[in-house]
Amino acid sequence: MNYDLKLELRYQSLSILKYLKAPFLKFSPTKEVSIDEYLKKNKSASIQNFEENESYILTLLNGRVWSSNGTVITEDNILISEINRTLLKEKRNSVFYQKSVINPQIKTGVAAIVAQPAGNVYYHWMIDILPRIELLKKADEFDSIDYFVFNEIKYPFQKETLKIFGIPENKIIEVKNLWNYHFQFDKLIFPSFTSELNRATYFTIKTLEKYIYPKQKTSQGKQFYKKIYLSRSKAPNRKLLNEQEVLCLLKAEGFYEIFPEEYSVIEQAEIFANAEVIVGVHGSAFTNIAFCKPATKVIDICAPEWVNDCFLEITKLRGLVYIRITGNQFLGIKGIDKGANISLHDSKIKFLMEQV
C-alpha cells in the first residue's frame, strides 16, 4: 500500500471517529493554483513584495486556516501552492484527504498565519518560523495584527523566542492537530516562506543574529568549551547506542558533553558561538550552528535512513567545515530499528577520532 493511500485512510478514519456528532462544513478544495494565477483572477487578494530573498506578504479577505499544518484556504475554496507547504513524504496537502472538516470559528480582525507542518520542531521553528515573523515586522500593518496563528506552543524555546520577537501572548492562536482547528478571519496575512524546505538562507541567519546572538548575551565571564558533544541520550529516537564508548574517547580529546535541551536558546547560541569542534548525532540541536564562527568544524553523525542536508546548507552559509559520518544501522529482532538508532563500528570510530 503506497504512502498516500495509507495517509488518506488514516485521516478519513480518524476524522469519522472524532467528529461523528460534530457539525461539518462539506469541503473539498476545488483546485490548487499558483499565487500568480490566483492574483490575476481575484482582485480582493493583494501582495507586498520585498526585494530581499524574493519574499512577500500575501493578504486575503475572509481567508481560513485549517489544522496544525497551517493550511490556508481562500474564501472561494482554493489552495494556493506556494503558501501551503507539505513535508517531503506527502505529495498533496493533507486537506485533500479530508472528506469534510469542522465548521470554522469566525474571528473578527486581522490574523497573521505563521503555522506550518512540523512548526514546533526546533529546527523548523528557528529556520522557518522566526524569519517569517521578521517579514511581518517589515509590513506596514504589523502593529494592527489582532492574531498570530502558530503551531502548538508547548516548549520553552518557543515561549522564549516569541518574547524576544515581541509577540504578545494574548494575540496568539494555537493550532494543535489536524482535525478540530479551523478559523476564518476578516483579513488573513501570510508571510512567505523565506527558504525552501530544509534549506536555510542568508535572511535566516541574519534574522537569528539580529534577535538572538550576539546582542542577547547573558553569560558574561562564563567558561565555554572549544569542543562539544551533543548528546541525544534523552531523546526518544536517533540515539548513538554505543555513546559511552565514543564519548570516553572524545573526552580524552577535550570534549565536553552537553544536553542542548537543558539550555535556553540564548545560552545555546553562546555555547555554539564559542565552540571550535561540534560532534553529535543528527538532530535539531545542530540548528545552533547558525551562530558558529567561520571555520568551526561540524561532525554530523547520521543514520543511513535519516540523511538530510539541512545542516550542510547552514555550514555553507556560515563558512563552516562540515563532515558527515553515516552510522551503522541497528537491526532489532524485527529488522531495522524504526527509531533510526545507530552505532559506530571500529572503522567509523577511528575516522571520527581522526577528524577531531
Protein backbone atom coordinates (compact mmCIF):
# COMPACT_ATOMS: atom_id res chain seq x y z
CA MET A 1 0.00 0.00 0.00
CA ASN A 2 1.54 3.33 -1.03
CA TYR A 3 2.12 6.22 1.36
CA ASP A 4 -0.64 8.48 0.00
CA LEU A 5 -3.31 5.77 0.22
CA LYS A 6 -2.34 4.90 3.79
CA LEU A 7 -2.39 8.59 4.70
CA GLU A 8 -5.85 9.08 3.20
CA LEU A 9 -7.30 6.06 5.03
CA ARG A 10 -5.77 7.27 8.31
CA TYR A 11 -7.17 10.78 8.01
CA GLN A 12 -10.63 9.56 6.99
CA SER A 13 -10.94 7.01 9.80
CA LEU A 14 -9.76 9.44 12.49
CA SER A 15 -11.99 12.20 11.14
CA ILE A 16 -15.07 9.95 11.23
CA LEU A 17 -14.39 8.74 14.75
CA LYS A 18 -13.60 12.18 16.15
CA TYR A 19 -16.45 14.12 14.60
CA LEU A 20 -19.29 11.64 14.29
CA LYS A 21 -21.65 14.06 16.08
CA ALA A 22 -19.92 17.36 15.22
CA PRO A 23 -21.25 19.98 12.79
CA PHE A 24 -19.50 19.71 9.42
CA LEU A 25 -18.74 22.05 6.61
CA LYS A 26 -18.66 19.86 3.49
CA PHE A 27 -15.39 20.78 1.92
CA SER A 28 -13.27 19.55 -0.91
CA PRO A 29 -10.89 22.10 -2.44
CA THR A 30 -11.98 22.85 -5.98
CA LYS A 31 -8.36 23.14 -7.10
CA GLU A 32 -4.85 24.20 -6.21
CA VAL A 33 -3.34 27.09 -8.16
CA SER A 34 -0.18 29.17 -8.21
CA ILE A 35 -0.07 32.52 -6.46
CA ASP A 36 0.28 34.37 -9.79
CA GLU A 37 -2.76 32.65 -11.22
CA TYR A 38 -4.82 33.41 -8.15
CA LEU A 39 -3.86 37.10 -8.05
CA LYS A 40 -4.84 37.55 -11.69
CA LYS A 41 -8.37 36.30 -11.09
CA ASN A 42 -9.05 37.53 -7.55
CA LYS A 43 -8.78 41.28 -7.12
CA SER A 44 -9.58 41.12 -3.39
CA ALA A 45 -6.19 39.49 -2.76
CA SER A 46 -3.04 41.62 -2.64
CA ILE A 47 0.69 41.11 -2.28
CA GLN A 48 3.53 43.16 -0.82
CA ASN A 49 6.91 42.18 -2.27
CA PHE A 50 10.31 42.57 -0.63
CA GLU A 51 13.50 42.64 -2.66
CA GLU A 52 15.43 40.75 0.00
CA ASN A 53 15.21 37.00 -0.53
CA GLU A 54 12.34 37.44 -3.02
CA SER A 55 9.95 37.32 -0.08
CA TYR A 56 6.44 38.73 0.15
CA ILE A 57 3.35 39.09 2.29
CA LEU A 58 0.06 37.90 0.82
CA THR A 59 -3.23 39.33 2.09
CA LEU A 60 -6.55 37.50 1.65
CA LEU A 61 -10.02 38.64 2.68
CA ASN A 62 -12.16 36.11 4.58
CA GLY A 63 -9.39 33.54 4.38
CA ARG A 64 -9.36 30.42 6.53
CA VAL A 65 -6.63 28.46 8.27
CA TRP A 66 -7.08 24.78 8.99
CA SER A 67 -5.15 22.33 11.16
CA SER A 68 -1.70 22.25 12.72
CA ASN A 69 -0.24 22.36 9.21
CA GLY A 70 -1.40 25.97 8.92
CA THR A 71 -3.25 25.16 5.70
CA VAL A 72 -4.59 28.37 4.14
CA ILE A 73 -7.91 28.13 2.26
CA THR A 74 -9.22 31.10 0.31
CA GLU A 75 -12.82 32.30 0.59
CA ASP A 76 -13.56 30.63 -2.76
CA ASN A 77 -12.21 27.23 -1.58
CA ILE A 78 -8.88 27.30 -3.37
CA LEU A 79 -5.43 26.31 -2.14
CA ILE A 80 -2.50 28.44 -3.27
CA SER A 81 0.52 26.21 -3.86
CA GLU A 82 3.31 28.47 -2.62
CA ILE A 83 1.72 29.20 0.76
CA ASN A 84 0.73 25.63 1.64
CA ARG A 85 3.84 23.63 2.48
CA THR A 86 3.88 19.84 2.75
CA LEU A 87 6.57 17.61 4.18
CA LEU A 88 8.71 15.55 1.86
CA LYS A 89 6.68 12.33 2.11
CA GLU A 90 3.38 14.00 1.24
CA LYS A 91 2.62 14.62 -2.41
CA ARG A 92 -0.51 16.62 -1.64
CA ASN A 93 -1.72 18.83 1.18
CA SER A 94 -3.40 16.79 3.92
CA VAL A 95 -6.67 18.71 3.48
CA PHE A 96 -7.23 16.80 0.23
CA TYR A 97 -7.52 13.59 2.23
CA GLN A 98 -10.42 15.00 4.28
CA LYS A 99 -13.96 14.47 3.05
CA SER A 100 -15.18 17.18 5.40
CA VAL A 101 -13.82 19.49 8.06
CA ILE A 102 -15.37 21.01 11.15
CA ASN A 103 -17.10 24.38 10.73
CA PRO A 104 -14.68 27.32 11.12
CA GLN A 105 -14.72 29.63 14.09
CA ILE A 106 -15.34 33.15 12.80
CA LYS A 107 -12.81 35.67 14.12
CA THR A 108 -13.23 39.40 13.58
CA GLY A 109 -9.98 41.12 12.78
CA VAL A 110 -6.61 40.61 11.12
CA ALA A 111 -4.64 37.38 11.51
CA ALA A 112 -1.06 36.58 10.54
CA ILE A 113 -0.54 32.89 9.72
CA VAL A 114 2.86 31.53 10.70
CA ALA A 115 1.99 27.88 11.46
CA GLN A 116 3.33 25.20 9.14
CA PRO A 117 3.92 21.42 9.13
CA ALA A 118 6.30 20.43 11.96
CA GLY A 119 6.37 24.07 13.02
CA ASN A 120 7.10 23.34 16.69
CA VAL A 121 10.20 21.26 15.92
CA TYR A 122 13.26 23.29 17.00
CA TYR A 123 14.86 23.32 13.54
CA HIS A 124 11.70 24.43 11.71
CA TRP A 125 10.83 26.93 14.42
CA MET A 126 14.22 28.62 14.21
CA ILE A 127 14.82 28.34 10.47
CA ASP A 128 11.28 28.69 9.08
CA ILE A 129 9.01 30.33 11.67
CA LEU A 130 11.16 33.08 13.20
CA PRO A 131 12.32 34.61 9.88
CA ARG A 132 8.67 34.87 8.84
CA ILE A 133 7.96 36.90 11.97
CA GLU A 134 10.73 39.24 10.82
CA LEU A 135 8.90 39.60 7.49
CA LEU A 136 5.76 40.60 9.38
CA LYS A 137 7.76 43.26 11.18
CA LYS A 138 8.68 44.73 7.80
CA ALA A 139 4.99 45.08 6.91
CA ASP A 140 3.31 48.44 7.42
CA GLU A 141 0.44 46.98 9.42
CA PHE A 142 2.33 44.76 11.89
CA ASP A 143 1.00 46.67 14.90
CA SER A 144 -2.58 46.26 13.68
CA ILE A 145 -2.43 42.44 13.63
CA ASP A 146 -5.02 41.06 16.05
CA TYR A 147 -3.96 37.40 15.99
CA PHE A 148 -0.83 35.38 15.28
CA VAL A 149 -1.54 31.76 14.35
CA PHE A 150 1.21 29.37 15.46
CA ASN A 151 1.64 25.65 15.90
CA GLU A 152 1.07 24.47 19.46
CA ILE A 153 3.30 26.43 21.87
CA LYS A 154 4.49 23.69 24.20
CA TYR A 155 8.25 24.12 24.52
CA PRO A 156 10.32 26.69 26.44
CA PHE A 157 12.27 27.66 23.32
CA GLN A 158 9.05 28.77 21.64
CA LYS A 159 7.97 30.94 24.55
CA GLU A 160 11.47 32.41 24.91
CA THR A 161 11.82 33.41 21.27
CA LEU A 162 8.25 34.74 20.95
CA LYS A 163 9.04 37.08 23.83
CA ILE A 164 12.30 38.14 22.14
CA PHE A 165 10.42 38.83 18.89
CA GLY A 166 7.76 40.84 20.70
CA ILE A 167 4.68 38.67 20.08
CA PRO A 168 2.07 39.31 22.85
CA GLU A 169 0.70 36.15 24.48
CA ASN A 170 -2.87 37.46 24.29
CA LYS A 171 -2.66 37.63 20.49
CA ILE A 172 -1.56 34.03 19.95
CA ILE A 173 -3.87 31.38 18.48
CA GLU A 174 -2.53 27.83 18.51
CA VAL A 175 -3.46 25.11 16.01
CA LYS A 176 -2.73 21.80 17.68
CA ASN A 177 -3.90 18.99 15.42
CA LEU A 178 -5.31 18.07 12.02
CA TRP A 179 -8.99 17.95 12.92
CA ASN A 180 -10.53 20.43 15.34
CA TYR A 181 -8.76 23.69 14.50
CA HIS A 182 -10.36 25.75 11.76
CA PHE A 183 -10.65 29.55 11.76
CA GLN A 184 -11.90 32.25 9.41
CA PHE A 185 -10.67 35.84 9.63
CA ASP A 186 -11.78 39.15 8.11
CA LYS A 187 -8.25 39.59 6.80
CA LEU A 188 -5.59 36.92 6.64
CA ILE A 189 -1.91 37.87 6.24
CA PHE A 190 0.56 35.24 5.11
CA PRO A 191 4.30 35.98 5.32
CA SER A 192 6.04 33.89 2.67
CA PHE A 193 8.45 31.10 3.47
CA THR A 194 11.90 32.65 3.38
CA SER A 195 13.62 29.46 2.24
CA GLU A 196 12.89 26.10 0.66
CA LEU A 197 12.16 23.19 2.99
CA ASN A 198 15.34 22.17 4.87
CA ARG A 199 17.40 24.88 3.18
CA ALA A 200 18.31 27.98 5.19
CA THR A 201 19.15 31.33 3.58
CA TYR A 202 21.21 34.39 4.47
CA PHE A 203 17.98 36.06 5.55
CA THR A 204 17.51 33.23 8.07
CA ILE A 205 20.99 33.68 9.51
CA LYS A 206 20.72 37.46 9.68
CA THR A 207 17.37 37.23 11.46
CA LEU A 208 18.74 34.89 14.13
CA GLU A 209 21.81 37.05 14.58
CA LYS A 210 19.69 40.18 14.90
CA TYR A 211 17.41 38.90 17.64
CA ILE A 212 19.29 36.15 19.46
CA TYR A 213 23.06 36.47 19.15
CA PRO A 214 25.32 38.30 19.76
CA LYS A 215 23.13 41.11 21.14
CA GLN A 216 21.34 38.94 23.70
CA LYS A 217 24.31 37.73 25.78
CA THR A 218 23.55 36.51 29.30
CA SER A 219 26.67 34.62 30.39
CA GLN A 220 29.47 37.16 30.65
CA GLY A 221 32.55 35.57 32.20
CA LYS A 222 31.19 32.03 31.88
CA GLN A 223 33.55 29.29 30.73
CA PHE A 224 32.81 27.85 27.29
CA TYR A 225 34.18 24.68 25.77
CA LYS A 226 36.03 24.59 22.46
CA LYS A 227 34.99 21.01 21.76
CA ILE A 228 31.42 19.87 22.47
CA TYR A 229 29.50 16.65 22.04
CA LEU A 230 25.72 16.94 21.59
CA SER A 231 24.06 14.06 23.41
CA ARG A 232 20.71 12.62 22.28
CA SER A 233 20.57 10.10 25.13
CA LYS A 234 17.43 11.84 26.46
CA ALA A 235 15.75 11.96 23.04
CA PRO A 236 13.16 9.35 22.01
CA ASN A 237 14.97 8.32 18.82
CA ARG A 238 18.13 8.62 16.71
CA LYS A 239 20.40 7.67 19.59
CA LEU A 240 24.01 6.54 19.42
CA LEU A 241 23.79 3.14 21.10
CA ASN A 242 27.49 2.88 21.93
CA GLU A 243 27.64 6.50 23.03
CA GLN A 244 29.60 5.84 26.20
CA GLU A 245 32.38 4.11 24.26
CA VAL A 246 32.60 7.01 21.82
CA LEU A 247 32.21 9.67 24.50
CA CYS A 248 35.05 8.21 26.55
CA LEU A 249 37.39 8.66 23.57
CA LEU A 250 36.09 12.17 22.86
CA LYS A 251 36.51 13.30 26.47
CA ALA A 252 40.13 12.20 26.29
CA GLU A 253 40.49 14.72 23.44
CA GLY A 254 38.99 17.54 25.47
CA PHE A 255 35.30 17.25 24.55
CA TYR A 256 32.52 18.30 26.89
CA GLU A 257 29.12 16.58 26.76
CA ILE A 258 26.09 18.86 26.65
CA PHE A 259 22.36 18.28 26.56
CA PRO A 260 21.09 21.21 24.45
CA GLU A 261 17.51 20.90 25.67
CA GLU A 262 18.69 21.92 29.15
CA TYR A 263 19.74 25.38 27.96
CA SER A 264 17.81 28.42 26.84
CA VAL A 265 18.03 29.44 23.19
CA ILE A 266 20.35 32.33 24.03
CA GLU A 267 22.61 30.04 26.08
CA GLN A 268 22.74 27.52 23.22
CA ALA A 269 23.70 30.32 20.84
CA GLU A 270 26.57 31.33 23.12
CA ILE A 271 27.78 27.76 23.53
CA PHE A 272 27.87 27.18 19.77
CA ALA A 273 29.39 30.59 19.02
CA ASN A 274 32.35 29.75 21.25
CA ALA A 275 32.89 26.17 20.04
CA GLU A 276 35.54 25.12 17.53
CA VAL A 277 34.53 21.48 17.02
CA ILE A 278 30.99 20.10 17.38
CA VAL A 279 30.12 16.39 17.25
CA GLY A 280 26.74 14.75 17.58
CA VAL A 281 24.06 12.54 16.11
CA HIS A 282 21.90 14.35 13.54
CA GLY A 283 19.16 16.30 15.33
CA SER A 284 17.62 19.72 15.83
CA ALA A 285 20.33 20.87 18.22
CA PHE A 286 22.60 21.30 15.20
CA THR A 287 20.36 24.21 14.19
CA ASN A 288 22.50 26.30 16.52
CA ILE A 289 25.47 26.07 14.15
CA ALA A 290 23.78 29.14 12.66
CA PHE A 291 25.59 31.00 15.47
CA CYS A 292 29.04 29.44 14.92
CA LYS A 293 32.04 31.46 13.83
CA PRO A 294 33.63 30.66 10.44
CA ALA A 295 35.85 27.55 10.19
CA THR A 296 34.11 25.77 13.08
CA LYS A 297 34.17 22.03 12.40
CA VAL A 298 30.77 20.30 12.44
CA ILE A 299 30.66 16.48 12.52
CA ASP A 300 27.15 15.21 11.82
CA ILE A 301 26.61 11.50 12.61
CA CYS A 302 23.61 10.31 10.57
CA ALA A 303 21.52 7.17 10.41
CA PRO A 304 21.62 5.66 6.87
CA GLU A 305 17.85 6.12 6.58
CA TRP A 306 17.93 9.66 8.01
CA VAL A 307 20.34 11.64 5.85
CA ASN A 308 19.35 15.27 5.40
CA ASP A 309 21.39 18.17 4.02
CA CYS A 310 19.70 20.82 6.18
CA PHE A 311 22.75 21.37 8.38
CA LEU A 312 25.15 21.15 5.46
CA GLU A 313 23.28 24.12 3.98
CA ILE A 314 23.84 26.17 7.14
CA THR A 315 27.56 25.37 7.13
CA LYS A 316 27.80 26.70 3.57
CA LEU A 317 26.20 29.98 4.64
CA ARG A 318 28.38 30.35 7.72
CA GLY A 319 31.68 29.19 6.22
CA LEU A 320 31.93 26.15 8.48
CA VAL A 321 33.62 22.78 7.88
CA TYR A 322 31.02 20.02 7.53
CA ILE A 323 31.84 16.32 7.92
CA ARG A 324 29.17 13.62 7.72
CA ILE A 325 29.62 10.17 9.21
CA THR A 326 26.98 7.59 8.39
CA GLY A 327 26.46 5.30 11.36
CA ASN A 328 25.75 1.58 11.34
CA GLN A 329 22.08 0.63 11.35
CA PHE A 330 20.76 -1.08 14.44
CA LEU A 331 18.99 -4.30 13.47
CA GLY A 332 16.45 -5.38 16.05
CA ILE A 333 14.54 -8.65 16.22
CA LYS A 334 12.05 -7.42 13.64
CA GLY A 335 14.59 -5.82 11.33
CA ILE A 336 15.77 -2.22 11.03
CA ASP A 337 15.04 -0.16 14.13
CA LYS A 338 12.28 2.37 13.34
CA GLY A 339 13.77 4.88 15.75
CA ALA A 340 16.82 5.27 13.46
CA ASN A 341 19.13 4.39 16.35
CA ILE A 342 22.68 3.64 15.28
CA SER A 343 26.10 2.61 16.49
CA LEU A 344 29.62 3.40 15.29
CA HIS A 345 31.78 0.39 14.50
CA ASP A 346 35.55 0.39 14.88
CA SER A 347 36.43 1.82 11.47
CA LYS A 348 33.97 4.69 11.87
CA ILE A 349 35.12 5.46 15.38
CA LYS A 350 38.66 5.61 14.03
CA PHE A 351 37.55 8.00 11.26
CA LEU A 352 35.73 10.20 13.78
CA MET A 353 38.76 10.45 16.04
CA GLU A 354 40.94 11.40 13.07
CA GLN A 355 38.65 14.38 12.41
CA VAL A 356 38.63 15.85 15.91
